[in-house]
């Protein structure tokens, strides 16, 4: 019976943490207070901590596998709990047999998605921002996504948040001191550098909010290919994506709806959008496609315009492309002449697209803020802005205290229960 006032012992969880079998090696991870007991039950004895040892795994008299086993005692482990790893032969039957043996042991159960990482967060091994970075890393599909995820998972944002928090603490201490000693004539209301320090911090946070968002890396730069019918839009989209995503034809009006093709160019994510040819049409269906094409131009991050340069939309976002250089004399007003059919000029087009995209994406080694981070930082900036215009130290102290609490929400020190389930649901079982 559990003694009154003593929290219940957490379950011991297990899961396959490597890829789905069959594979050369399969790794099953066990975490929790019964991890060592589970290893003893299967292997007969325990290896020294952090030392791999070959062991015969058995369930009763039945030999399951000959495997490498390791143990990592808590709290200095990935989850902060006792962890055991079983490195098995990666056949389906081997994995199934070992999992069945573990499930039969008292106090053990199969892990839920993200449960290992959630325990690492709960036990202080990682903070919330680092957990978000790990989730991004598991879903990364391009080189730029991988780099940004590694920076977040490695604690780059967490370290920056801590630096801001310490500066806020210093500012708060100055205000609190002014309040505590306000009745003593030898103490100034506020130090001379307080206002400058507060404004400097507010401006620095505002500068971070102006950086490209992390969602650009996930969703990709929206690159819309547009122009009149038969200008080579679909052929160019196919060439850029490296696959036949759009039907090409000499018949005007073949493309009647938006065709979206996620792709990566030199490790940079893009969402290529093929559009209906822009023209007046009496065909009701084609007219709907034209309207969607026009709306897509409004939402575009970059536009490849294949029509008359004088009719190009928003030149700041547009690259003027003559797309049939193998058939027609290039228009001197175009930025580039290419032939998707022969490949001529395509490398130059990709270089120019990537050059434009760099300004829209987080820079090399730059921490990319998630939507959640940005929303919280905007609140912090608002609090600091109010504090800069307030003449009441008591109000300033409360605003600074609130700003510190908001920063704690980014790293998970406080008030994040509402985001945990959503975050850890993104993880696979075994992480």
Foldseek 3Di string as FASTA:
>chain_A
DDDPPDDDFDFKAKDFQDDADDDQKTKMKIWGDCALVLCCQFFVHADDAPDWDWGFGDQVPRTLFTWIKHWHDACPDQLRHIMMMTIGGRHPSSVVVSVVSQCPDPRYDYDDFLPSVVSSCVNVVAFPQLLLLVLQCVVDDFPVSNQQSCCRVVCVVVVVLVVLLVLLVVLLVQLVVLVVCVVPPVDDNGDPCSLVSLVVSLVVLVVLLPAFAPVCQVVHAEEEEAAAWPLCQQLVLCLVQVHNQDDDDNDAFRFQAWGWHWHDDNRGIHIYIYAHGADDDPDPSSVVRNVRSVVSVVVHQAYEYRYDPVPDPDVVRYADERAPVVPDPDDPVGPFYAYSVVGPGVVVVSVVVVVSCCRNHGHRVGHHHHPLRSVLSVLLSVLSVVLSPDPDSVSNSVSSVVSSVSSCCSRVVDDPPVCVVVSSNSGGRND
